Each structure stands twice: as structure tokens, then as C-alpha cells.
Amino acid sequence: MAIGNKIKHIRNLRGLTQKEFGRLIGFDENTADVRVAQYESGTRTPKADLLRKMAEVLDVNICYLSEPSLYSAEEIMFSLFELDDNYPVKILDTPNEKHSVCFDSVLMDGFLAEWQTRKQELADGTITPEEYLEWKINFPKTADDCGKHEPSKKWKD
């Protein structure tokens, strides 16, 4: 999903108009909605400082809004989340299965294990689709290492 579409999606999820969001990120009252519309349509691309402010106001991890470079474990996870939105991903327990996802990385293995747990909780109805989305868009602050510790950001009731 393009940056502009992500901004619009989360802005709507948060119940903000373009004008309200524009004012919160520092735009002038008279041009706030027009400026936001330009970013959401892809006419303009936010620079790093503005993207950080947008992520802060929308209460999401900046990696969710950014175009991934795939150089960090977080960026890889956000790419996998986006793939899952369009082509449902299944994470299998055994790395020898035909379609398993595995990396030679303790960090990535931990991230995938937690994601597998969240997907199962969603399928079981233990968490809501809204909670699952909050977990994803604020990852890894919402991570708890599969229940081993408290996440640094609360994401479910």
C-alpha cells in the first residue's frame, strides 16, 4: 500500500478529518486539508520530519507509514504484514514445511512467533480485528515476546 493510502487509512481509523489531521501536524488552518489531500493522493511525498510527525499524531510506528528498505527486522515485518493483507500468510511451526517462513535470525524468529500467536488469537476470536490492527501498526512496541513480558505500548483491552 502506498504511503498516501496508509496515511488516509489510519487517519480515517482515528476519526480525523483531513483538516483536523493537517492542523495537528502543524499546517495552517486555511491549507491543512488541501495539504493532507496532496499527501494522501500521492501528489506529494512527506519528508522524514513530516512523516515522523504524522506517525506520532496517528499513533503508529513510523515503519508502518514508510516505504520499506528491508534492511531491518522491523521493516521486514511490516512488509510481511502488508503481504498478508493481500495474500494471507500462514506461518508454520516446522521450518521443513513446503511454505514455511523462516530466517536465520533469532530476532526474526521471535517476531514471526509472536505474529503467529496474534494471527491465531484473531482466528480464535481472542482478539478483535481492531486489536490485531493496533498490534500491527504499532509493532514492535506492542510485542510481548509471546506473553513473556508486558509490551511497551498497550494495544488491547
Protein backbone atom coordinates (compact mmCIF):
# COMPACT_ATOMS: atom_id res chain seq x y z
CA MET A 1 0.00 0.00 0.00
CA ALA A 2 1.37 3.44 -0.89
CA ILE A 3 2.29 5.92 1.85
CA GLY A 4 -0.67 8.17 1.00
CA ASN A 5 -3.12 5.29 1.23
CA LYS A 6 -1.68 4.27 4.59
CA ILE A 7 -1.98 7.82 5.92
CA LYS A 8 -5.60 8.04 4.77
CA HIS A 9 -6.47 4.60 6.14
CA ILE A 10 -5.16 5.32 9.64
CA ARG A 11 -6.46 8.93 9.64
CA ASN A 12 -9.94 7.57 8.94
CA LEU A 13 -9.47 4.83 11.54
CA ARG A 14 -8.60 7.51 14.09
CA GLY A 15 -11.71 9.50 13.10
CA LEU A 16 -9.83 12.59 11.92
CA THR A 17 -10.82 14.81 9.02
CA GLN A 18 -8.10 15.97 6.65
CA LYS A 19 -8.34 19.47 8.14
CA GLU A 20 -8.10 18.21 11.75
CA PHE A 21 -5.15 15.99 10.90
CA GLY A 22 -3.44 18.77 8.96
CA ARG A 23 -3.75 21.17 11.89
CA LEU A 24 -2.41 18.52 14.31
CA ILE A 25 0.71 18.02 12.19
CA GLY A 26 1.32 21.76 12.01
CA PHE A 27 -0.28 23.02 8.81
CA ASP A 28 -2.05 26.37 8.64
CA GLU A 29 -5.84 26.27 9.19
CA ASN A 30 -6.54 27.57 5.67
CA THR A 31 -4.47 24.96 3.82
CA ALA A 32 -4.46 21.98 6.21
CA ASP A 33 -6.99 19.85 4.31
CA VAL A 34 -5.50 20.63 0.90
CA ARG A 35 -2.00 19.71 2.05
CA VAL A 36 -3.16 16.44 3.60
CA ALA A 37 -5.13 15.61 0.43
CA GLN A 38 -1.93 16.07 -1.59
CA TYR A 39 -0.05 13.58 0.60
CA GLU A 40 -2.92 11.09 0.59
CA SER A 41 -3.28 11.23 -3.19
CA GLY A 42 0.46 10.78 -3.74
CA THR A 43 0.85 14.20 -5.37
CA ARG A 44 3.37 15.00 -2.64
CA THR A 45 5.56 12.74 -0.54
CA PRO A 46 6.21 13.72 3.08
CA LYS A 47 9.81 14.38 4.04
CA ALA A 48 11.24 12.44 7.00
CA ASP A 49 10.42 15.08 9.66
CA LEU A 50 6.83 15.41 8.50
CA LEU A 51 6.41 11.64 8.25
CA ARG A 52 7.63 11.32 11.86
CA LYS A 53 5.08 13.93 12.97
CA MET A 54 2.31 12.16 11.03
CA ALA A 55 3.21 8.83 12.67
CA GLU A 56 3.22 10.49 16.10
CA VAL A 57 -0.19 12.12 15.59
CA LEU A 58 -1.69 8.95 14.10
CA ASP A 59 -0.14 6.89 16.94
CA VAL A 60 1.60 4.37 14.67
CA ASN A 61 5.14 3.14 14.21
CA ILE A 62 6.80 5.24 11.50
CA CYS A 63 7.80 2.00 9.78
CA TYR A 64 4.10 1.37 9.08
CA LEU A 65 3.90 4.58 7.03
CA SER A 66 7.35 4.37 5.41
CA GLU A 67 8.36 2.62 2.23
CA PRO A 68 10.38 -0.37 3.47
CA SER A 69 14.04 -0.73 2.65
CA LEU A 70 14.07 -4.29 4.05
CA TYR A 71 17.30 -3.75 5.93
CA SER A 72 15.91 -4.09 9.45
CA ALA A 73 13.85 -6.79 11.10
CA GLU A 74 11.07 -4.24 11.78
CA GLU A 75 10.88 -3.24 8.11
CA ILE A 76 10.74 -6.90 7.06
CA MET A 77 7.87 -7.46 9.48
CA PHE A 78 5.92 -4.51 8.09
CA SER A 79 6.47 -5.85 4.57
CA LEU A 80 5.17 -9.25 5.68
CA PHE A 81 2.15 -7.57 7.32
CA GLU A 82 1.37 -5.80 4.06
CA LEU A 83 1.78 -9.01 2.07
CA ASP A 84 -0.58 -10.71 4.50
CA ASP A 85 -3.22 -8.03 3.89
CA ASN A 86 -3.26 -9.00 0.20
CA TYR A 87 -2.08 -12.62 0.17
CA PRO A 88 -2.81 -14.29 3.52
CA VAL A 89 0.39 -15.64 5.02
CA LYS A 90 0.50 -18.81 7.08
CA ILE A 91 3.36 -19.32 9.49
CA LEU A 92 4.04 -22.96 10.13
CA ASP A 93 5.68 -24.42 13.21
CA THR A 94 8.16 -26.58 11.34
CA PRO A 95 10.72 -24.95 9.07
CA ASN A 96 10.75 -28.02 6.80
CA GLU A 97 7.18 -27.48 5.60
CA LYS A 98 6.82 -26.51 1.96
CA HIS A 99 5.59 -22.95 2.53
CA SER A 100 7.17 -22.11 5.87
CA VAL A 101 8.65 -18.70 6.53
CA CYS A 102 11.94 -18.82 8.36
CA PHE A 103 15.02 -16.68 8.73
CA ASP A 104 18.43 -17.37 10.16
CA SER A 105 17.83 -14.71 12.79
CA VAL A 106 16.82 -15.09 16.43
CA LEU A 107 15.15 -11.66 16.27
CA MET A 108 13.11 -12.51 13.16
CA ASP A 109 12.19 -15.93 14.59
CA GLY A 110 10.87 -14.19 17.70
CA PHE A 111 8.92 -11.65 15.63
CA LEU A 112 7.41 -14.42 13.49
CA ALA A 113 6.48 -16.48 16.55
CA GLU A 114 4.64 -13.51 18.02
CA TRP A 115 2.91 -12.80 14.71
CA GLN A 116 1.82 -16.43 14.51
CA THR A 117 0.36 -16.08 18.02
CA ARG A 118 -1.54 -12.90 17.09
CA LYS A 119 -2.93 -14.47 13.89
CA GLN A 120 -4.12 -17.48 15.90
CA GLU A 121 -5.70 -15.22 18.53
CA LEU A 122 -7.50 -13.37 15.74
CA ALA A 123 -8.71 -16.63 14.17
CA ASP A 124 -9.87 -17.91 17.58
CA GLY A 125 -11.66 -14.65 18.37
CA THR A 126 -9.42 -14.00 21.39
CA ILE A 127 -8.59 -10.60 19.90
CA THR A 128 -10.66 -8.42 17.60
CA PRO A 129 -9.68 -7.31 14.10
CA GLU A 130 -9.27 -3.79 15.53
CA GLU A 131 -6.89 -5.05 18.23
CA TYR A 132 -4.94 -7.02 15.64
CA LEU A 133 -4.59 -3.89 13.50
CA GLU A 134 -3.41 -1.86 16.54
CA TRP A 135 -0.87 -4.58 17.30
CA LYS A 136 0.45 -4.46 13.72
CA ILE A 137 0.59 -0.69 13.22
CA ASN A 138 2.47 -0.13 16.49
CA PHE A 139 4.77 -3.17 16.26
CA PRO A 140 7.28 -3.78 17.88
CA LYS A 141 6.16 -1.59 20.81
CA THR A 142 3.14 -3.91 21.09
CA ALA A 143 5.29 -7.05 21.15
CA ASP A 144 5.37 -9.07 24.37
CA ASP A 145 7.57 -11.99 23.25
CA CYS A 146 4.55 -14.31 23.19
CA GLY A 147 3.39 -13.37 26.69
CA LYS A 148 6.81 -13.34 28.36
CA HIS A 149 6.68 -9.62 29.26
CA GLU A 150 4.45 -6.56 29.10
CA PRO A 151 4.55 -4.67 25.78
CA SER A 152 5.74 -1.08 25.97
CA LYS A 153 2.52 0.02 24.21
CA LYS A 154 -0.93 -1.19 25.23
CA TRP A 155 -2.89 -2.42 22.21
CA LYS A 156 -5.81 -4.42 23.58
CA ASP A 157 -8.35 -4.16 26.36
